[in-house]
């Protein structure tokens, strides 16, 4: 179960952390899309989580995220660490027994933990999310797999956003988790814990807020409550506009990424587009939140891509989008 080339590293971790070289039991955990191997270990009747990085040529490089995970654990945001070696790519942390997490509980609790993440000392690695989205859109356009009318509509609407969105706002670049989804949130019945820090880096604070909003913000009142909990006061028109526009950028990224991952370079027909348009964004995300579906299969990724696209196209035609466009346009002129 443990790769042969990692046996000695895992044995060293067990010996260092617990003074043993064997476990009582081991179970591989398959939740999530990480390339690292994750196992539930039982040692002296106590459960722990063993994480083994098996590749060093991907975003799973421990040197990039073990430090972030340690900072989060020390702040009580991530599970406690019993062993950590970036050289070996091995970590052992507490195992948190997961309980159901209602939307009502999630709105204030997730706003609070996101704020705590953003208050961590600034991570050394920085990535500009909007630049990343630009790159994925260019890759998607170059494949030619989407109907021309669809890609043109997508690009035209996206261009309206990035013309006014402040992509280099250093004041709002903070330590971010950057992969907030149900797979990476463990609710113990009292509070959430964040796991899988592979994508953690310095980024626009609104990325974490928007990504989480896709799952738990289900109404205008939910958004008001969520942002108030995060900022500690009523969100300003500018903050609400930033949240709305980053939400659209997240929709575009999820669409582009999942199309590229799921189609194998095959063109998408108009008929397929029509079939995918029947999917419902809210229903799909509710099922993800409740662990009723996963994104492991190509079909699920295609569906996930399309619910994001439909939500994006719907939102950019709304009155609020135009109002937010005016708010951010005025702010960019003022600066």
Protein backbone atom coordinates (compact mmCIF):
# COMPACT_ATOMS: atom_id res chain seq x y z
CA UNK A 1 0.00 0.00 0.00
CA UNK A 2 2.90 2.34 0.80
CA UNK A 3 5.19 2.69 -2.26
CA UNK A 4 8.37 0.70 -1.81
CA UNK A 5 10.59 3.74 -2.24
CA UNK A 6 8.76 5.43 0.67
CA UNK A 7 8.95 2.56 3.19
CA UNK A 8 12.03 3.84 4.98
CA UNK A 9 10.71 7.42 5.14
CA UNK A 10 7.40 6.27 6.63
CA UNK A 11 9.17 4.00 9.12
CA UNK A 12 11.32 6.94 10.19
CA UNK A 13 8.20 9.07 10.64
CA UNK A 14 6.50 6.43 12.81
CA UNK A 15 9.62 5.93 14.90
CA UNK A 16 10.17 9.64 15.39
CA UNK A 17 6.56 10.51 16.20
CA UNK A 18 5.43 7.47 18.18
CA UNK A 19 8.43 5.22 18.83
CA UNK A 20 6.98 2.44 16.64
CA UNK A 21 7.70 1.07 13.19
CA UNK A 22 4.30 -0.50 12.53
CA UNK A 23 0.68 0.58 12.78
CA UNK A 24 -2.32 -1.24 14.22
CA UNK A 25 -4.23 -0.73 10.96
CA UNK A 26 -4.05 1.30 7.77
CA UNK A 27 -6.73 2.45 5.33
CA UNK A 28 -6.18 4.47 2.17
CA UNK A 29 -8.34 7.59 1.90
CA UNK A 30 -9.65 8.36 -1.57
CA UNK A 31 -11.54 11.59 -0.92
CA UNK A 32 -10.15 14.50 -2.92
CA UNK A 33 -8.09 14.83 -6.09
CA UNK A 34 -4.61 15.20 -4.63
CA UNK A 35 -1.80 13.23 -6.24
CA UNK A 36 -0.36 12.53 -2.79
CA UNK A 37 -1.27 9.25 -1.09
CA UNK A 38 -3.32 9.71 2.08
CA UNK A 39 -3.92 7.03 4.71
CA UNK A 40 -5.75 6.70 7.99
CA UNK A 41 -3.43 5.04 10.49
CA UNK A 42 -4.39 3.60 13.86
CA UNK A 43 -1.51 3.57 16.33
CA UNK A 44 -2.05 2.50 19.94
CA UNK A 45 -5.81 2.74 19.28
CA UNK A 46 -5.55 6.39 18.17
CA UNK A 47 -6.28 7.50 14.58
CA UNK A 48 -3.88 9.69 12.56
CA UNK A 49 -3.58 10.85 8.97
CA UNK A 50 -0.48 9.91 7.01
CA UNK A 51 0.29 11.86 3.85
CA UNK A 52 2.96 10.66 1.41
CA UNK A 53 4.01 12.80 -1.54
CA UNK A 54 4.98 10.48 -4.37
CA UNK A 55 5.97 13.00 -7.05
CA UNK A 56 8.21 16.05 -6.92
CA UNK A 57 7.42 17.46 -10.35
CA UNK A 58 3.93 18.77 -9.57
CA UNK A 59 2.30 21.30 -7.29
CA UNK A 60 2.64 18.63 -4.57
CA UNK A 61 6.23 19.77 -3.82
CA UNK A 62 6.42 19.69 -0.01
CA UNK A 63 8.79 22.62 0.12
CA UNK A 64 5.99 24.79 -1.29
CA UNK A 65 3.23 23.83 1.09
CA UNK A 66 4.44 22.00 4.19
CA UNK A 67 5.45 25.35 5.65
CA UNK A 68 1.97 26.72 5.00
CA UNK A 69 0.38 23.67 6.59
CA UNK A 70 2.62 24.04 9.65
CA UNK A 71 1.73 27.71 10.05
CA UNK A 72 -1.96 26.84 9.77
CA UNK A 73 -1.64 24.02 12.31
CA UNK A 74 0.13 26.30 14.77
CA UNK A 75 -2.73 28.79 14.36
CA UNK A 76 -5.32 26.07 15.02
CA UNK A 77 -6.66 26.16 11.48
CA UNK A 78 -5.28 22.81 10.27
CA UNK A 79 -5.08 19.54 12.26
CA UNK A 80 -2.18 19.21 14.71
CA UNK A 81 1.06 17.90 13.20
CA UNK A 82 2.92 14.97 14.76
CA UNK A 83 5.58 14.62 12.07
CA UNK A 84 6.61 16.69 9.08
CA UNK A 85 9.48 16.20 6.65
CA UNK A 86 9.61 18.20 3.44
CA UNK A 87 12.74 16.26 2.42
CA UNK A 88 10.92 12.92 2.57
CA UNK A 89 7.50 14.29 1.60
CA UNK A 90 5.85 12.69 4.62
CA UNK A 91 3.51 14.15 7.24
CA UNK A 92 1.43 12.73 10.06
CA UNK A 93 -1.40 14.77 11.55
CA UNK A 94 -4.42 14.30 13.75
CA UNK A 95 -7.30 12.44 12.13
CA UNK A 96 -10.52 14.45 12.45
CA UNK A 97 -13.79 12.50 12.48
CA UNK A 98 -16.06 14.29 10.04
CA UNK A 99 -19.62 15.32 10.88
CA UNK A 100 -22.37 16.86 8.68
CA UNK A 101 -21.86 20.59 8.10
CA UNK A 102 -25.05 22.57 7.46
CA UNK A 103 -25.10 25.70 5.31
CA UNK A 104 -26.42 27.70 8.25
CA UNK A 105 -23.43 26.72 10.39
CA UNK A 106 -20.98 27.04 7.51
CA UNK A 107 -21.63 30.70 6.67
CA UNK A 108 -20.19 32.25 9.88
CA UNK A 109 -17.72 29.45 10.64
CA UNK A 110 -16.15 29.39 7.18
CA UNK A 111 -16.00 33.19 7.05
CA UNK A 112 -14.15 33.11 10.37
CA UNK A 113 -11.63 30.44 9.38
CA UNK A 114 -10.96 32.10 6.02
CA UNK A 115 -10.19 35.34 7.85
CA UNK A 116 -7.78 33.41 10.10
CA UNK A 117 -6.02 31.99 7.04
CA UNK A 118 -5.68 35.47 5.58
CA UNK A 119 -4.19 36.74 8.84
CA UNK A 120 -1.34 34.18 8.76
CA UNK A 121 2.18 35.53 8.13
CA UNK A 122 2.49 36.03 4.39
CA UNK A 123 3.45 32.91 2.49
CA UNK A 124 6.64 33.26 0.47
CA UNK A 125 5.21 31.85 -2.77
CA UNK A 126 2.97 34.21 -4.77
CA UNK A 127 0.74 33.46 -7.74
CA UNK A 128 -1.59 35.92 -9.44
CA UNK A 129 -4.87 34.06 -9.88
CA UNK A 130 -6.13 36.25 -12.71
CA UNK A 131 -2.93 35.59 -14.66
CA UNK A 132 -3.49 31.86 -14.16
CA UNK A 133 -7.06 32.13 -15.44
CA UNK A 134 -5.84 34.07 -18.48
CA UNK A 135 -3.42 31.24 -19.27
CA UNK A 136 -6.05 28.53 -19.00
CA UNK A 137 -8.45 30.48 -21.20
CA UNK A 138 -5.76 30.86 -23.83
CA UNK A 139 -5.07 27.12 -23.70
CA UNK A 140 -8.79 26.38 -24.01
CA UNK A 141 -9.19 28.74 -26.97
CA UNK A 142 -6.18 27.21 -28.71
CA UNK A 143 -7.70 23.71 -28.59
CA UNK A 144 -10.64 24.75 -30.77
CA UNK A 145 -12.86 22.20 -29.03
CA UNK A 146 -15.66 24.64 -28.16
CA UNK A 147 -18.23 26.01 -30.61
CA UNK A 148 -16.92 29.36 -31.87
CA UNK A 149 -20.00 31.26 -30.78
CA UNK A 150 -19.63 29.94 -27.23
CA UNK A 151 -15.94 30.74 -26.80
CA UNK A 152 -16.47 34.20 -28.26
CA UNK A 153 -19.30 34.93 -25.82
CA UNK A 154 -17.21 33.68 -22.92
CA UNK A 155 -14.15 35.74 -23.86
CA UNK A 156 -16.15 38.92 -24.48
CA UNK A 157 -17.81 38.74 -21.06
CA UNK A 158 -14.55 37.85 -19.33
CA UNK A 159 -12.83 40.82 -20.97
CA UNK A 160 -15.39 43.17 -19.42
CA UNK A 161 -14.40 41.86 -15.99
CA UNK A 162 -10.62 41.96 -16.23
CA UNK A 163 -10.67 45.47 -17.69
CA UNK A 164 -11.81 46.80 -14.32
CA UNK A 165 -10.78 44.13 -11.82
CA UNK A 166 -7.64 45.22 -9.85
CA UNK A 167 -5.42 42.23 -10.53
CA UNK A 168 -2.30 43.71 -8.85
CA UNK A 169 -3.84 45.05 -5.64
CA UNK A 170 -1.06 44.35 -3.11
CA UNK A 171 -3.28 45.39 -0.18
CA UNK A 172 -5.56 42.43 -0.81
CA UNK A 173 -2.81 39.88 -1.50
CA UNK A 174 -2.73 37.67 1.58
CA UNK A 175 -1.92 34.11 2.57
CA UNK A 176 -4.60 31.96 0.92
CA UNK A 177 -5.61 28.31 0.91
CA UNK A 178 -6.69 28.55 -2.76
CA UNK A 179 -8.54 25.23 -2.86
CA UNK A 180 -11.55 25.64 -0.61
CA UNK A 181 -14.01 22.87 -1.41
CA UNK A 182 -15.80 20.18 0.61
CA UNK A 183 -12.94 17.69 0.11
CA UNK A 184 -10.59 20.04 1.96
CA UNK A 185 -12.90 20.99 4.85
CA UNK A 186 -13.43 18.69 7.82
CA UNK A 187 -16.15 19.70 10.27
CA UNK A 188 -15.86 17.98 13.64
CA UNK A 189 -19.35 18.97 14.83
CA UNK A 190 -18.08 22.15 16.44
CA UNK A 191 -15.63 23.79 14.04
CA UNK A 192 -14.11 23.29 10.59
CA UNK A 193 -10.49 22.31 9.90
CA UNK A 194 -8.71 22.95 6.60
CA UNK A 195 -6.56 20.25 4.98
CA UNK A 196 -4.63 19.77 1.73
CA UNK A 197 -2.46 22.88 1.60
CA UNK A 198 -0.85 21.98 -1.73
CA UNK A 199 -2.19 25.08 -3.49
CA UNK A 200 -1.48 27.51 -0.65
CA UNK A 201 0.28 30.72 -1.68
CA UNK A 202 0.00 34.47 -1.54
CA UNK A 203 -3.06 35.48 -3.53
CA UNK A 204 -6.06 37.81 -3.79
CA UNK A 205 -8.21 37.34 -0.65
CA UNK A 206 -11.35 37.29 -2.78
CA UNK A 207 -10.34 33.97 -4.39
CA UNK A 208 -10.90 32.06 -1.14
CA UNK A 209 -14.09 33.99 -0.46
CA UNK A 210 -15.51 33.41 -3.93
CA UNK A 211 -14.57 29.72 -4.03
CA UNK A 212 -16.31 29.11 -0.70
CA UNK A 213 -19.25 31.26 -1.75
CA UNK A 214 -19.99 28.85 -4.60
CA UNK A 215 -21.00 26.28 -2.01
CA UNK A 216 -22.56 28.12 0.90
CA UNK A 217 -23.86 31.45 -0.45
CA UNK A 218 -27.31 30.54 -1.70
CA UNK A 219 -29.07 33.92 -1.55
CA UNK A 220 -28.42 37.64 -1.30
CA UNK A 221 -28.94 37.42 2.47
CA UNK A 222 -26.40 34.59 2.70
CA UNK A 223 -23.87 36.77 0.89
CA UNK A 224 -24.56 39.68 3.24
CA UNK A 225 -24.10 37.44 6.29
CA UNK A 226 -20.99 35.74 4.88
CA UNK A 227 -19.18 38.97 4.02
CA UNK A 228 -20.24 40.63 7.28
CA UNK A 229 -18.83 37.68 9.23
CA UNK A 230 -15.57 37.89 7.28
CA UNK A 231 -15.03 41.67 7.38
CA UNK A 232 -16.50 42.15 10.87
CA UNK A 233 -18.93 44.77 9.56
CA UNK A 234 -21.30 45.32 6.65
CA UNK A 235 -19.47 44.92 3.35
CA UNK A 236 -19.11 48.06 1.27
CA UNK A 237 -20.38 48.34 -2.30
CA UNK A 238 -16.77 48.02 -3.42
CA UNK A 239 -16.19 44.83 -1.41
CA UNK A 240 -19.41 43.31 -2.72
CA UNK A 241 -18.39 44.20 -6.27
CA UNK A 242 -14.98 42.58 -5.77
CA UNK A 243 -16.66 39.47 -4.41
CA UNK A 244 -19.09 39.27 -7.32
CA UNK A 245 -16.44 39.76 -9.97
CA UNK A 246 -13.99 37.31 -8.44
CA UNK A 247 -16.85 34.81 -8.25
CA UNK A 248 -17.18 35.15 -12.03
CA UNK A 249 -13.44 34.71 -12.50
CA UNK A 250 -13.62 31.53 -10.42
CA UNK A 251 -16.49 30.29 -12.62
CA UNK A 252 -14.35 30.86 -15.72
CA UNK A 253 -11.34 29.08 -14.21
CA UNK A 254 -13.38 26.04 -13.11
CA UNK A 255 -14.96 25.84 -16.56
CA UNK A 256 -11.67 26.09 -18.46
CA UNK A 257 -9.80 23.70 -16.18
CA UNK A 258 -12.48 21.01 -16.14
CA UNK A 259 -13.08 21.18 -19.89
CA UNK A 260 -9.36 20.70 -20.50
CA UNK A 261 -9.21 17.81 -18.01
CA UNK A 262 -12.31 15.98 -19.18
CA UNK A 263 -12.56 16.18 -22.97
CA UNK A 264 -9.30 14.57 -24.04
CA UNK A 265 -9.01 17.15 -26.82
CA UNK A 266 -12.29 16.08 -28.44
CA UNK A 267 -14.57 18.79 -29.80
CA UNK A 268 -17.77 19.60 -27.97
CA UNK A 269 -20.82 19.61 -30.20
CA UNK A 270 -23.76 22.00 -30.08
CA UNK A 271 -25.93 19.04 -29.03
CA UNK A 272 -23.68 18.36 -26.04
CA UNK A 273 -23.87 22.03 -25.12
CA UNK A 274 -27.67 21.87 -25.15
CA UNK A 275 -27.67 18.76 -22.95
CA UNK A 276 -25.25 20.29 -20.45
CA UNK A 277 -27.37 23.44 -20.19
CA UNK A 278 -29.99 21.38 -18.35
CA UNK A 279 -27.69 20.99 -15.35
CA UNK A 280 -28.37 23.16 -12.30
CA UNK A 281 -25.52 24.98 -10.55
CA UNK A 282 -27.09 25.06 -7.10
CA UNK A 283 -28.19 21.44 -7.14
CA UNK A 284 -24.78 20.25 -8.34
CA UNK A 285 -22.91 22.16 -5.63
CA UNK A 286 -25.33 21.01 -2.94
CA UNK A 287 -24.56 17.41 -3.92
CA UNK A 288 -20.82 18.12 -3.81
CA UNK A 289 -21.17 19.73 -0.38
CA UNK A 290 -23.08 16.73 0.95
CA UNK A 291 -20.57 14.28 -0.61
CA UNK A 292 -23.28 12.76 -2.80
CA UNK A 293 -21.13 13.08 -5.93
CA UNK A 294 -17.41 13.42 -6.60
CA UNK A 295 -15.36 14.94 -9.41
CA UNK A 296 -13.19 11.90 -10.04
CA UNK A 297 -14.78 10.88 -13.35
CA UNK A 298 -14.44 12.77 -16.64
CA UNK A 299 -18.21 12.98 -16.92
CA UNK A 300 -18.50 14.65 -13.50
CA UNK A 301 -15.77 17.12 -14.46
CA UNK A 302 -17.62 17.97 -17.70
CA UNK A 303 -20.80 18.57 -15.74
CA UNK A 304 -18.93 20.68 -13.21
CA UNK A 305 -17.47 22.75 -16.03
CA UNK A 306 -20.88 23.41 -17.50
CA UNK A 307 -22.66 24.44 -14.33
CA UNK A 308 -19.93 27.04 -13.82
CA UNK A 309 -20.26 28.30 -17.38
CA UNK A 310 -24.04 28.61 -17.15
CA UNK A 311 -23.81 30.45 -13.85
CA UNK A 312 -21.21 32.81 -15.30
CA UNK A 313 -23.25 33.61 -18.41
CA UNK A 314 -26.34 34.15 -16.28
CA UNK A 315 -24.57 36.46 -13.84
CA UNK A 316 -22.92 38.70 -16.44
CA UNK A 317 -26.36 39.52 -17.81
CA UNK A 318 -27.72 40.64 -14.44
CA UNK A 319 -28.46 44.15 -13.25
CA UNK A 320 -26.12 43.67 -10.32
CA UNK A 321 -23.24 42.85 -12.68
CA UNK A 322 -23.69 46.20 -14.42
CA UNK A 323 -23.89 47.99 -11.08
CA UNK A 324 -20.70 46.29 -9.88
CA UNK A 325 -19.00 47.10 -13.15
CA UNK A 326 -19.73 50.76 -12.53
CA UNK A 327 -18.39 50.55 -8.96
CA UNK A 328 -15.10 48.96 -10.00
CA UNK A 329 -14.75 51.25 -13.03
CA UNK A 330 -15.07 54.33 -10.80
CA UNK A 331 -12.57 52.88 -8.35
CA UNK A 332 -10.01 52.17 -11.08
CA UNK A 333 -10.37 55.73 -12.40
CA UNK A 334 -9.88 57.11 -8.88
CA UNK A 335 -6.65 55.15 -8.55
